[in-house]
Protein backbone atom coordinates (compact mmCIF):
# COMPACT_ATOMS: atom_id res chain seq x y z
CA MET A 1 106.79 120.45 -40.92
CA LEU A 2 103.28 118.94 -40.64
CA PHE A 3 102.20 119.74 -43.94
CA SER A 4 105.77 117.61 -45.05
CA ASN A 5 104.97 114.92 -42.97
CA ARG A 6 101.41 114.08 -43.99
CA LEU A 7 102.00 114.73 -47.54
CA THR A 8 104.95 112.29 -46.89
CA SER A 9 102.53 109.99 -45.36
CA ALA A 10 99.52 110.50 -47.83
CA GLY A 11 102.14 109.35 -50.96
CA ALA A 12 103.53 106.44 -49.08
CA ILE A 13 99.83 105.26 -48.76
CA PHE A 14 98.93 106.66 -52.02
CA GLY A 15 101.90 104.27 -53.07
CA LEU A 16 101.73 101.29 -51.50
CA GLN A 17 97.54 101.64 -52.79
CA CYS A 18 99.64 101.82 -56.32
CA ALA A 19 102.18 98.96 -55.75
CA PHE A 20 98.84 97.04 -54.10
CA ASN A 21 96.83 97.17 -57.34
CA ASP A 22 99.39 96.51 -59.56
CA THR A 23 100.11 93.47 -57.88
CA SER A 24 96.24 92.89 -57.93
CA ALA A 25 95.82 93.59 -61.22
CA PHE A 26 98.84 90.92 -62.18
CA VAL A 27 97.49 88.26 -59.73
CA LYS A 28 94.31 88.75 -61.80
CA SER A 29 95.98 88.60 -64.93
CA PHE A 30 98.25 85.42 -64.00
CA LEU A 31 95.15 83.42 -62.77
CA LYS A 32 92.91 84.45 -65.81
CA GLU A 33 95.86 84.24 -68.16
CA HIS A 34 98.47 82.28 -67.67
CA LEU A 35 97.85 80.05 -64.68
CA PRO A 36 95.19 77.83 -66.91
CA VAL A 37 97.75 77.59 -69.47
CA ARG A 38 100.43 76.42 -67.22
CA LEU A 39 98.44 73.90 -65.50
CA LEU A 40 97.43 72.25 -69.17
CA LYS A 41 100.92 72.31 -70.07
CA LEU A 42 101.66 69.92 -66.86
CA LEU A 43 98.95 68.16 -67.66
CA ALA A 44 100.36 67.38 -71.39
CA THR A 45 103.23 65.27 -69.81
CA PHE A 46 101.47 62.84 -68.02
CA PRO A 47 100.42 59.83 -70.37
CA LEU A 48 96.55 59.29 -71.24
CA GLY A 49 96.04 56.67 -69.00
CA ALA A 50 96.94 58.81 -65.74
CA SER A 51 95.10 62.12 -67.20
CA ARG A 52 92.20 59.45 -67.42
CA HIS A 53 92.53 58.32 -63.87
CA LEU A 54 93.02 62.12 -62.58
CA GLY A 55 89.54 63.13 -64.69
CA ARG A 56 87.61 60.15 -63.23
CA LEU A 57 89.22 61.52 -59.74
CA LEU A 58 87.97 64.54 -60.05
CA GLY A 59 84.45 63.25 -62.13
CA HIS A 60 84.10 61.23 -58.83
CA MET A 61 84.61 64.84 -56.47
CA LEU A 62 82.19 66.62 -58.85
CA TRP A 63 79.49 64.10 -58.12
CA TYR A 64 79.64 64.17 -54.22
CA CYS A 65 79.83 67.78 -54.09
CA ASN A 66 76.36 67.73 -55.85
CA GLY A 67 76.20 70.63 -57.33
CA ARG A 68 74.50 72.64 -60.66
CA SER A 69 76.40 69.75 -62.93
CA ARG A 70 75.01 66.99 -61.35
CA LYS A 71 71.70 68.57 -60.86
CA THR A 72 71.24 69.54 -64.48
CA THR A 73 72.61 66.07 -65.46
CA GLU A 74 70.24 64.07 -63.31
CA THR A 75 67.68 66.43 -64.98
CA ASN A 76 68.37 65.92 -68.15
CA ILE A 77 68.80 61.63 -68.13
CA ARG A 78 65.32 61.68 -65.83
CA ALA A 79 63.44 63.32 -68.58
CA CYS A 80 65.41 61.35 -71.91
CA PHE A 81 64.96 57.88 -70.05
CA PRO A 82 61.94 57.88 -68.41
CA LYS A 83 61.50 54.19 -68.51
CA LEU A 84 64.80 53.14 -67.20
CA PRO A 85 64.55 52.44 -63.40
CA ALA A 86 65.39 54.89 -61.20
CA LYS A 87 69.10 53.52 -59.72
CA GLN A 88 69.84 52.82 -63.50
CA GLN A 89 69.35 56.96 -63.99
CA GLN A 90 71.46 57.63 -61.21
CA LEU A 91 74.44 55.13 -62.66
CA LEU A 92 74.37 56.92 -65.63
CA ALA A 93 74.32 60.39 -64.45
CA HIS A 94 77.12 59.33 -62.29
CA ASN A 95 78.97 57.77 -65.13
CA SER A 96 78.49 60.57 -67.65
CA LEU A 97 79.75 63.25 -65.15
CA VAL A 98 82.68 60.80 -64.60
CA GLU A 99 83.43 60.72 -68.36
CA SER A 100 82.77 64.88 -68.87
CA MET A 101 85.43 65.10 -66.64
CA VAL A 102 87.57 62.55 -68.62
CA THR A 103 87.10 64.49 -71.10
CA LEU A 104 88.31 67.79 -69.83
CA SER A 105 91.14 65.58 -68.78
CA GLU A 106 92.24 64.70 -72.22
CA MET A 107 92.06 68.31 -73.59
CA PRO A 108 95.92 69.30 -72.30
CA SER A 109 97.17 65.45 -74.87
CA SER A 110 94.30 66.36 -77.61
CA TRP A 111 95.80 70.10 -78.15
CA LEU A 112 99.46 70.10 -76.94
CA TRP A 113 101.18 66.12 -77.97
CA PRO A 114 102.10 66.31 -81.61
CA PRO A 115 98.64 65.10 -84.11
CA GLU A 116 100.20 61.66 -85.07
CA LYS A 117 100.69 60.53 -81.19
CA THR A 118 97.20 61.43 -80.53
CA LEU A 119 95.99 59.61 -83.81
CA GLY A 120 98.35 56.65 -82.73
CA LEU A 121 96.13 56.11 -79.87
CA VAL A 122 92.81 55.71 -82.59
CA HIS A 123 92.67 51.78 -82.30
CA ARG A 124 89.49 51.59 -85.14
CA VAL A 125 87.72 53.84 -87.73
CA GLU A 126 84.19 53.03 -88.72
CA GLY A 127 82.22 54.15 -91.40
CA ALA A 128 85.02 56.37 -92.43
CA GLU A 129 84.35 54.87 -96.15
CA LEU A 130 81.40 57.30 -96.09
CA LEU A 131 83.36 60.36 -96.05
CA LYS A 132 86.25 59.25 -98.85
CA LYS A 133 83.95 58.25 -101.29
CA ALA A 134 82.00 61.28 -101.05
CA LEU A 135 85.01 63.71 -101.11
CA THR A 136 86.66 61.54 -103.91
CA SER A 137 83.67 62.16 -106.32
CA GLY A 138 83.62 65.86 -105.43
CA ARG A 139 81.17 65.69 -103.20
CA SER A 140 81.02 68.27 -99.76
CA VAL A 141 80.74 66.94 -96.64
CA ILE A 142 79.01 68.08 -93.21
CA VAL A 143 80.12 66.06 -89.98
CA ALA A 144 77.81 66.35 -87.14
CA ALA A 145 79.45 65.72 -83.91
CA PRO A 146 77.95 66.15 -81.03
CA HIS A 147 79.44 67.24 -77.42
CA LEU A 148 80.18 62.79 -77.63
CA GLY A 149 83.51 61.14 -76.39
CA ASN A 150 86.34 63.29 -77.26
CA TRP A 151 85.65 66.01 -80.22
CA GLU A 152 89.36 67.22 -80.75
CA VAL A 153 90.35 63.63 -81.50
CA LEU A 154 87.64 63.94 -83.67
CA GLY A 155 88.90 67.19 -85.45
CA LEU A 156 92.65 65.78 -85.81
CA TYR A 157 91.14 62.49 -88.24
CA LEU A 158 89.05 64.52 -89.64
CA ALA A 159 92.49 67.02 -91.29
CA THR A 160 94.08 63.32 -92.61
CA LEU A 161 90.88 62.95 -94.77
CA GLY A 162 90.23 66.52 -96.58
CA PRO A 163 90.27 70.30 -96.06
CA VAL A 164 88.29 70.66 -93.17
CA THR A 165 86.54 73.93 -91.87
CA SER A 166 84.75 74.28 -88.32
CA LEU A 167 82.73 77.57 -86.47
CA TYR A 168 84.87 78.69 -83.54
CA GLN A 169 84.39 80.36 -80.36
CA PRO A 170 86.94 82.04 -78.32
CA PRO A 171 86.95 81.36 -74.85
CA LYS A 172 87.47 84.51 -72.71
CA SER A 173 91.15 83.80 -72.10
CA GLU A 174 93.47 85.03 -74.89
CA ALA A 175 96.55 82.87 -73.82
CA LEU A 176 93.74 80.50 -73.75
CA ASP A 177 91.96 81.44 -76.71
CA GLN A 178 95.70 80.90 -78.60
CA LEU A 179 96.68 77.78 -77.34
CA ILE A 180 93.18 76.09 -78.47
CA PHE A 181 93.29 78.07 -81.76
CA ASN A 182 96.99 77.19 -82.96
CA ALA A 183 96.54 73.29 -81.63
CA ARG A 184 93.13 73.29 -83.87
CA LYS A 185 94.95 74.43 -87.19
CA ARG A 186 98.04 72.46 -86.33
CA ASN A 187 96.92 69.89 -89.17
CA GLY A 188 95.69 72.63 -91.55
CA ALA A 189 92.18 72.86 -90.31
CA LYS A 190 90.95 76.03 -91.20
CA LEU A 191 88.65 77.88 -87.88
CA VAL A 192 85.70 80.62 -88.26
CA PRO A 193 83.99 82.70 -86.34
CA THR A 194 80.51 82.31 -85.41
CA ASP A 195 79.05 85.37 -87.39
CA ARG A 196 78.18 85.83 -90.74
CA LYS A 197 81.59 86.29 -92.24
CA GLY A 198 81.85 82.42 -90.64
CA VAL A 199 79.23 81.13 -91.92
CA SER A 200 80.02 82.37 -95.69
CA ARG A 201 83.41 81.24 -95.65
CA LEU A 202 81.57 77.76 -94.32
CA LEU A 203 79.44 77.73 -97.14
CA LYS A 204 82.22 78.61 -99.41
CA ALA A 205 84.42 75.57 -98.02
CA LEU A 206 80.92 73.00 -98.67
CA LYS A 207 80.61 74.69 -102.46
CA ASP A 208 84.53 74.30 -102.69
CA GLY A 209 83.56 70.03 -101.68
CA GLU A 210 85.24 70.24 -98.44
CA ILE A 211 84.63 69.19 -94.98
CA ALA A 212 82.91 71.17 -92.15
CA GLY A 213 82.29 70.59 -88.90
CA ILE A 214 79.26 71.60 -86.99
CA LEU A 215 78.22 71.13 -83.10
CA PRO A 216 74.79 70.27 -84.26
CA ASP A 217 73.80 69.85 -79.92
CA GLN A 218 74.12 73.93 -79.31
CA GLU A 219 71.48 75.90 -78.65
CA PRO A 220 70.81 78.17 -80.92
CA GLU A 221 68.97 81.45 -80.51
CA PRO A 222 65.73 81.67 -81.29
CA HIS A 223 65.39 83.34 -84.93
CA SER A 224 68.64 80.85 -86.04
CA GLY A 225 66.60 76.97 -84.43
CA GLU A 226 63.43 75.36 -84.99
CA PHE A 227 61.71 73.55 -82.25
CA ALA A 228 62.48 69.56 -82.60
CA PRO A 229 62.33 66.60 -80.56
CA PHE A 230 65.48 65.41 -79.23
CA PHE A 231 64.88 61.96 -76.59
CA GLY A 232 60.96 62.87 -76.68
CA ILE A 233 61.63 66.34 -75.13
CA GLN A 234 61.59 69.66 -77.17
CA ALA A 235 64.75 70.89 -77.67
CA LEU A 236 65.31 74.55 -79.65
CA THR A 237 67.76 73.21 -82.21
CA MET A 238 70.05 74.55 -85.19
CA THR A 239 68.85 75.14 -88.56
CA LEU A 240 72.42 75.84 -89.86
CA LEU A 241 73.41 72.73 -90.82
CA THR A 242 70.59 71.89 -92.63
CA ASN A 243 70.53 74.88 -94.35
CA LEU A 244 74.12 74.28 -95.34
CA ALA A 245 73.54 71.07 -96.78
CA GLN A 246 70.20 72.50 -98.72
CA LYS A 247 72.51 74.88 -100.19
CA THR A 248 75.62 72.96 -101.34
CA GLY A 249 74.30 69.10 -101.60
CA ALA A 250 76.61 68.44 -98.69
CA LEU A 251 76.32 64.44 -97.60
CA VAL A 252 76.04 65.13 -93.63
CA VAL A 253 77.09 62.46 -91.46
CA THR A 254 77.58 62.32 -87.89
CA GLY A 255 80.82 61.52 -86.22
CA TRP A 256 82.37 61.25 -83.03
CA ALA A 257 85.40 59.83 -81.01
CA LYS A 258 84.48 57.19 -78.54
CA ARG A 259 86.59 57.31 -75.23
CA ILE A 260 87.93 52.97 -75.30
CA TYR A 261 89.75 51.90 -72.17
CA GLU A 262 91.76 48.23 -72.96
CA PRO A 263 93.58 49.33 -74.50
CA HIS A 264 93.78 53.30 -73.86
CA GLY A 265 92.60 55.18 -76.71
CA TYR A 266 89.99 55.67 -79.11
CA GLU A 267 87.14 54.34 -81.78
CA ILE A 268 85.84 57.28 -84.46
CA ILE A 269 82.48 56.31 -85.78
CA PHE A 270 80.63 57.67 -88.63
CA CYS A 271 77.41 57.10 -89.26
CA GLU A 272 75.07 58.58 -92.25
CA ALA A 273 72.27 61.00 -90.84
CA GLU A 274 68.61 60.23 -91.61
CA GLU A 275 67.16 61.03 -95.12
CA GLY A 276 64.70 63.80 -93.45
CA VAL A 277 67.93 66.39 -93.09
CA TYR A 278 67.74 66.64 -97.35
CA SER A 279 64.13 67.00 -96.90
CA GLU A 280 62.90 70.55 -97.86
CA ASP A 281 60.31 70.86 -94.79
CA PRO A 282 62.63 72.85 -91.85
CA LEU A 283 60.73 71.16 -89.16
CA THR A 284 61.45 67.74 -91.17
CA GLN A 285 65.25 68.66 -91.20
CA VAL A 286 65.71 69.45 -87.04
CA GLN A 287 63.78 66.41 -86.49
CA ALA A 288 65.82 63.73 -88.79
CA LEU A 289 69.22 65.45 -87.40
CA ASN A 290 68.05 65.52 -83.86
CA ARG A 291 67.11 61.76 -84.61
CA SER A 292 70.56 60.89 -85.86
CA VAL A 293 72.27 62.94 -82.91
CA GLU A 294 70.03 60.43 -80.89
CA ALA A 295 71.58 57.29 -82.56
CA CYS A 296 74.65 58.06 -81.87
CA VAL A 297 73.92 59.42 -78.15
CA THR A 298 72.22 55.81 -77.54
CA LYS A 299 75.21 53.71 -77.87
CA SER A 300 77.53 55.66 -75.80
CA ALA A 301 75.41 57.48 -73.65
CA GLU A 302 77.78 58.21 -70.17
CA GLN A 303 79.82 59.30 -73.18
CA TYR A 304 77.79 62.32 -73.45
CA GLN A 305 77.60 65.70 -71.86
CA TRP A 306 74.57 65.59 -70.10
CA GLU A 307 75.36 68.42 -67.83
CA TYR A 308 74.66 70.86 -70.55
CA LYS A 309 70.71 72.57 -69.87
CA ARG A 310 69.64 71.13 -73.55
CA PHE A 311 66.56 72.06 -73.14
CA LYS A 312 66.26 75.67 -71.48
CA LYS A 313 64.18 77.07 -74.27
CA GLN A 314 60.69 75.76 -74.49
CA PRO A 315 58.09 76.62 -76.96
CA ASP A 316 55.49 79.38 -76.35
CA ASN A 317 57.69 80.66 -73.73
CA LYS A 318 56.83 77.91 -71.31
CA PRO A 319 58.74 76.69 -68.34
CA GLY A 320 62.28 74.49 -68.56
CA ILE A 321 62.77 71.67 -67.12
CA TYR A 322 65.35 72.79 -64.59
């Protein structure tokens, strides 16, 4: 009987452990996969003004938490705007962090609203004739879209001009990946992976006279980039964009969706990239690309994502600025 009782107790304990493990796994799965998607769907029910108000509130909180995002933002702005008075540097850093959280708060509506509803909030477009003229003549277009304003809105607008292909790196959450992937494909955009196969498909799209959207301000692997100044600081810069332009003869433009508040909505701006991006010299290409991105950022500096460690890698393994 003693053995039987011990066996029963052990079985009960084992059963409780299994139940706990199953419950724990369910909770982890819910927190990782389902809760973020449910929150996004809830936030998508907010009007744009309310979403932005929430984002600004979160941005102020993030600033006063004085965490890594604030410190990186302050470091970047001090390095990139050394002639700006200290108080203005602080103000720009604060406003940038707030605007980054506003961008985040806008994502649910950008992903889940009907495209025509979001595009109805685009009150002005500048420079679209550059793309239309090129596409009409059969020339492909590469849109260099920095992390400025709301790039999801820019993507929706680009799909109204013609077929669009963009590189896509999925998030770790499968549920979130499915939501974002489906959202970006709504207007017919094609998403390709960030590997050789994806680049091949991007090349084919450009050879077919289509549009390619590329984020030009993400730090690439060392073998895929060249160092060039960005706001006077050496930054490892992708060569993919300019290589594609060389191989296809595509027009290179910069583009971003600037947030405006009166009335709530967006202004989309396209500018032709500097002529140097078409040079046969790789260093000249990336220097011109960075100057083209700088020109965009300077116009709306507070809406740029300065919390990204853009200068982490430095030439000759020198220490970064962080």
